[in-house]
Amino acid sequence: MKQKFVLFGMSLTILLACFSGAEAKQSTWSDQELMDITRVMEESDITIEGWSFYGKNKFGFVSDFTGYVSLVESLQAKSPNFRWEKIVETKEHWNVTGHYTNPYGIEEKVSVFAYPHKNQYMAYIIYYVQGKSWDPESWKAFKPEYRYKVQLFLGENAKIYTCVEGVKSDKMSIVLQKLAKQLVQSFDASIIETLNEETFLSLSAYTDEWKPSILTDRKRMNLQIGLRNSGIGGKTTITIGTPIITTEY
């Protein structure tokens, strides 16, 4: 059965479950993880086809829908280049998303959610950026702006998830287990758990090189790797994320 792991765009219940206290807070942000992952992929002859940052934080409480609209309008004022959708209202939550493709070709999204909590509503903000290919110069130019927008939209102690996707030619009939082991070794990581099927392999690991981590089954993890083989003569898709993968794979 095809295995998938999705955060952005997945069911909102599962999405917000990731706000648990088990996650390590990040008072400062660094792109070390992104640079390490892209370096390992390039050294492993993996063609990078996309990368992303997924950031989130609690905003706090709003008293009612009027308060939620005020929060949304304040974010809209801070992001005049974004194209905002209409607010979606359901019995369980309110949500709205703004979109912007910047001059570097990087897609940016800001989403605002609010959920009932006792007699108020808890608001969450998500800031997501995605590049379709890896261009170090474009990232270097965008990096100061990204750092600024993380502070602008998410404030202090935002949780940032890094994810990179790539493909590798399957002409040599790649053995997923062997490739996964090589990648883990490249990060000086130790494997925590593995899911292995005929054409799909997913593993979680931990490396001392990166500070952010989450707790799973009483063990720390901050590296997740997913590999999918499309068959003989096809390609192997590789997805690497920290502390967990935040895209479908």
Protein backbone atom coordinates (compact mmCIF):
# COMPACT_ATOMS: atom_id res chain seq x y z
CA MET A 1 0.00 0.00 0.00
CA LYS A 2 1.32 3.42 -0.91
CA GLN A 3 2.61 5.23 2.15
CA LYS A 4 2.36 8.98 2.46
CA PHE A 5 3.28 11.55 5.08
CA VAL A 6 1.75 14.99 4.74
CA LEU A 7 1.80 18.04 6.97
CA PHE A 8 0.99 21.05 4.82
CA GLY A 9 -2.44 20.54 3.34
CA MET A 10 -3.26 17.50 5.46
CA SER A 11 -6.25 17.21 7.80
CA LEU A 12 -6.24 20.10 10.23
CA THR A 13 -6.61 17.85 13.25
CA ILE A 14 -3.37 16.01 12.51
CA LEU A 15 -1.66 19.22 11.48
CA LEU A 16 -2.29 20.96 14.78
CA ALA A 17 -1.35 17.87 16.75
CA CYS A 18 2.21 18.72 15.74
CA PHE A 19 2.08 21.73 18.05
CA SER A 20 2.67 19.39 21.00
CA GLY A 21 5.14 20.27 23.73
CA ALA A 22 7.40 17.41 22.63
CA GLU A 23 8.89 19.60 19.92
CA ALA A 24 12.05 21.52 20.57
CA LYS A 25 11.58 25.27 20.45
CA GLN A 26 13.80 27.31 18.16
CA SER A 27 14.74 30.70 19.55
CA THR A 28 17.09 31.26 16.64
CA TRP A 29 16.92 30.04 13.08
CA SER A 30 19.72 28.71 10.89
CA ASP A 31 19.85 27.35 7.37
CA GLN A 32 22.53 24.80 8.32
CA GLU A 33 20.10 21.92 7.84
CA LEU A 34 19.14 23.08 4.35
CA MET A 35 22.78 23.49 3.33
CA ASP A 36 23.71 20.08 4.77
CA ILE A 37 20.85 18.29 3.01
CA THR A 38 21.50 19.89 -0.38
CA ARG A 39 25.22 19.14 -0.05
CA VAL A 40 24.61 15.47 0.78
CA MET A 41 22.16 15.14 -2.11
CA GLU A 42 24.56 16.67 -4.61
CA GLU A 43 27.42 14.50 -3.35
CA SER A 44 25.13 11.46 -3.76
CA ASP A 45 24.31 12.40 -7.40
CA ILE A 46 20.71 13.19 -6.49
CA THR A 47 19.10 15.84 -8.69
CA ILE A 48 17.30 18.33 -6.44
CA GLU A 49 13.81 19.14 -7.70
CA GLY A 50 12.42 21.12 -4.81
CA TRP A 51 12.95 22.40 -1.29
CA SER A 52 10.76 23.98 1.35
CA PHE A 53 10.57 25.59 4.78
CA TYR A 54 7.48 25.11 6.90
CA GLY A 55 7.17 27.42 9.88
CA LYS A 56 4.40 27.65 12.47
CA ASN A 57 3.59 29.24 15.77
CA LYS A 58 0.69 29.98 18.08
CA PHE A 59 -0.58 33.54 17.87
CA GLY A 60 -2.75 33.37 20.96
CA PHE A 61 -6.46 33.81 21.59
CA VAL A 62 -9.08 35.80 19.75
CA SER A 63 -12.48 36.31 21.34
CA ASP A 64 -14.70 35.88 18.29
CA PHE A 65 -14.86 36.02 14.50
CA THR A 66 -14.42 39.80 14.54
CA GLY A 67 -11.17 39.36 16.43
CA TYR A 68 -10.05 36.71 13.94
CA VAL A 69 -10.78 39.05 11.02
CA SER A 70 -8.75 41.78 12.72
CA LEU A 71 -5.81 39.38 13.03
CA VAL A 72 -6.08 38.44 9.35
CA GLU A 73 -6.28 42.08 8.30
CA SER A 74 -3.16 42.91 10.34
CA LEU A 75 -1.26 40.17 8.48
CA GLN A 76 -2.63 41.35 5.14
CA ALA A 77 -1.32 44.83 5.91
CA LYS A 78 2.13 43.34 6.55
CA SER A 79 2.09 41.41 3.26
CA PRO A 80 0.70 43.72 0.54
CA ASN A 81 2.16 41.57 -2.27
CA PHE A 82 0.22 38.47 -1.20
CA ARG A 83 -3.01 37.41 -2.90
CA TRP A 84 -5.45 36.39 -0.17
CA GLU A 85 -8.27 33.91 -0.53
CA LYS A 86 -11.67 34.29 1.13
CA ILE A 87 -11.98 33.19 4.75
CA VAL A 88 -13.33 29.66 5.10
CA GLU A 89 -15.79 29.27 7.99
CA THR A 90 -16.84 25.90 9.43
CA LYS A 91 -18.13 24.77 12.81
CA GLU A 92 -14.67 23.44 13.69
CA HIS A 93 -12.43 26.29 12.57
CA TRP A 94 -11.78 29.38 10.49
CA ASN A 95 -8.91 29.57 8.03
CA VAL A 96 -7.53 31.71 5.23
CA THR A 97 -4.37 31.63 3.10
CA GLY A 98 -2.37 34.26 1.24
CA HIS A 99 -0.10 33.43 -1.73
CA TYR A 100 2.88 35.18 -3.29
CA THR A 101 5.54 34.14 -5.81
CA ASN A 102 8.52 36.39 -5.17
CA PRO A 103 11.09 37.69 -7.69
CA TYR A 104 13.35 34.70 -6.92
CA GLY A 105 10.68 32.29 -8.14
CA ILE A 106 10.03 31.06 -4.61
CA GLU A 107 6.42 30.48 -3.62
CA GLU A 108 5.32 31.87 -0.25
CA LYS A 109 2.13 31.08 1.69
CA VAL A 110 0.73 32.43 4.93
CA SER A 111 -2.20 30.62 6.56
CA VAL A 112 -4.17 31.68 9.62
CA PHE A 113 -6.27 29.13 11.55
CA ALA A 114 -8.53 29.56 14.56
CA TYR A 115 -10.08 26.75 16.63
CA PRO A 116 -12.60 26.85 19.48
CA HIS A 117 -10.98 26.65 22.91
CA LYS A 118 -13.38 26.95 25.83
CA ASN A 119 -15.05 30.35 25.33
CA GLN A 120 -12.41 31.69 22.95
CA TYR A 121 -10.52 30.71 19.81
CA MET A 122 -6.87 29.71 19.60
CA ALA A 123 -5.15 31.17 16.53
CA TYR A 124 -2.21 29.62 14.69
CA ILE A 125 -0.11 31.05 11.89
CA ILE A 126 1.78 29.03 9.27
CA TYR A 127 4.41 30.47 6.93
CA TYR A 128 5.48 28.17 4.12
CA VAL A 129 8.04 28.74 1.34
CA GLN A 130 8.83 26.41 -1.54
CA GLY A 131 11.41 26.48 -4.31
CA LYS A 132 11.00 24.31 -7.40
CA SER A 133 14.73 23.83 -7.89
CA TRP A 134 17.88 24.46 -5.89
CA ASP A 135 19.75 27.65 -6.74
CA PRO A 136 22.23 28.59 -3.98
CA GLU A 137 22.54 32.17 -5.24
CA SER A 138 18.78 32.74 -5.21
CA TRP A 139 18.57 31.31 -1.71
CA LYS A 140 21.45 33.49 -0.55
CA ALA A 141 19.66 36.56 -1.88
CA PHE A 142 16.30 35.57 -0.34
CA LYS A 143 17.67 34.39 3.01
CA PRO A 144 17.67 37.80 4.81
CA GLU A 145 14.10 38.42 3.63
CA TYR A 146 13.02 34.98 4.79
CA ARG A 147 14.54 35.55 8.21
CA TYR A 148 12.70 38.87 8.44
CA LYS A 149 9.36 37.33 7.42
CA VAL A 150 9.68 34.49 9.92
CA GLN A 151 9.95 37.12 12.63
CA LEU A 152 7.18 39.22 11.05
CA PHE A 153 4.64 36.42 10.69
CA LEU A 154 5.62 33.93 13.38
CA GLY A 155 7.48 35.86 16.05
CA GLU A 156 9.83 34.23 18.55
CA ASN A 157 10.31 30.48 19.06
CA ALA A 158 8.75 29.53 15.73
CA LYS A 159 9.18 25.89 14.74
CA ILE A 160 10.81 25.55 11.32
CA TYR A 161 10.79 22.33 9.27
CA THR A 162 13.21 21.87 6.38
CA CYS A 163 12.53 19.53 3.46
CA VAL A 164 14.34 18.78 0.18
CA GLU A 165 13.17 16.51 -2.64
CA GLY A 166 15.21 14.96 -5.44
CA VAL A 167 15.50 12.08 -7.89
CA LYS A 168 18.21 9.63 -8.81
CA SER A 169 18.49 7.63 -12.03
CA ASP A 170 17.51 3.99 -11.60
CA LYS A 171 19.53 2.62 -14.51
CA MET A 172 21.76 0.74 -12.06
CA SER A 173 18.76 -0.78 -10.23
CA ILE A 174 19.23 1.11 -6.98
CA VAL A 175 18.78 -0.89 -3.77
CA LEU A 176 16.80 1.38 -1.45
CA GLN A 177 18.29 -0.03 1.74
CA LYS A 178 21.83 0.58 0.49
CA LEU A 179 21.09 4.15 -0.61
CA ALA A 180 19.30 4.93 2.66
CA LYS A 181 22.26 3.63 4.68
CA GLN A 182 24.67 5.77 2.66
CA LEU A 183 22.55 8.87 3.24
CA VAL A 184 22.28 8.26 6.98
CA GLN A 185 26.05 7.82 7.20
CA SER A 186 26.52 11.11 5.31
CA PHE A 187 24.67 12.90 8.10
CA ASP A 188 26.58 11.06 10.86
CA ALA A 189 23.19 9.89 12.09
CA SER A 190 21.84 6.85 13.92
CA ILE A 191 18.68 5.12 12.70
CA ILE A 192 15.73 5.21 15.13
CA GLU A 193 13.06 3.32 13.17
CA THR A 194 12.45 2.04 9.63
CA LEU A 195 9.47 1.21 7.43
CA ASN A 196 10.53 -1.00 4.52
CA GLU A 197 8.37 -2.17 1.62
CA GLU A 198 9.18 -3.48 -1.85
CA THR A 199 9.35 -0.09 -3.59
CA PHE A 200 9.23 2.24 -0.60
CA LEU A 201 11.47 2.89 2.38
CA SER A 202 11.08 5.43 5.16
CA LEU A 203 13.37 5.88 8.13
CA SER A 204 13.78 8.19 11.07
CA ALA A 205 17.19 8.99 12.54
CA TYR A 206 19.06 11.32 14.85
CA THR A 207 22.21 13.36 14.29
CA ASP A 208 24.10 15.47 16.81
CA GLU A 209 24.88 17.95 14.02
CA TRP A 210 21.41 19.56 14.25
CA LYS A 211 19.83 20.99 17.40
CA PRO A 212 16.06 20.93 16.65
CA SER A 213 14.47 17.53 17.32
CA ILE A 214 11.23 15.85 18.33
CA LEU A 215 10.54 13.01 20.72
CA THR A 216 9.15 9.77 19.27
CA ASP A 217 8.65 6.61 21.29
CA ARG A 218 10.93 8.07 24.00
CA LYS A 219 13.72 8.67 21.48
CA ARG A 220 14.91 11.88 19.87
CA MET A 221 14.79 12.20 16.10
CA ASN A 222 15.64 15.06 13.77
CA LEU A 223 16.14 13.40 10.39
CA GLN A 224 13.57 11.67 8.21
CA ILE A 225 14.31 10.10 4.83
CA GLY A 226 11.79 8.69 2.37
CA LEU A 227 12.75 6.76 -0.78
CA ARG A 228 10.39 5.48 -3.46
CA ASN A 229 11.42 3.37 -6.46
CA SER A 230 9.26 3.72 -9.58
CA GLY A 231 10.47 0.41 -11.04
CA ILE A 232 13.16 -0.87 -13.37
CA GLY A 233 14.36 1.82 -15.74
CA GLY A 234 12.56 4.52 -13.81
CA LYS A 235 13.74 6.87 -11.09
CA THR A 236 14.11 6.76 -7.34
CA THR A 237 12.52 9.69 -5.52
CA ILE A 238 14.33 10.84 -2.38
CA THR A 239 12.79 13.14 0.24
CA ILE A 240 14.83 14.34 3.22
CA GLY A 241 13.44 16.46 6.04
CA THR A 242 14.23 17.72 9.51
CA PRO A 243 13.01 17.16 12.13
CA ILE A 244 10.29 15.45 10.05
CA ILE A 245 9.24 15.51 6.41
CA THR A 246 6.58 18.13 5.71
CA THR A 247 5.64 17.19 2.14
CA GLU A 248 3.94 14.19 0.56
CA TYR A 249 6.29 11.36 -0.41
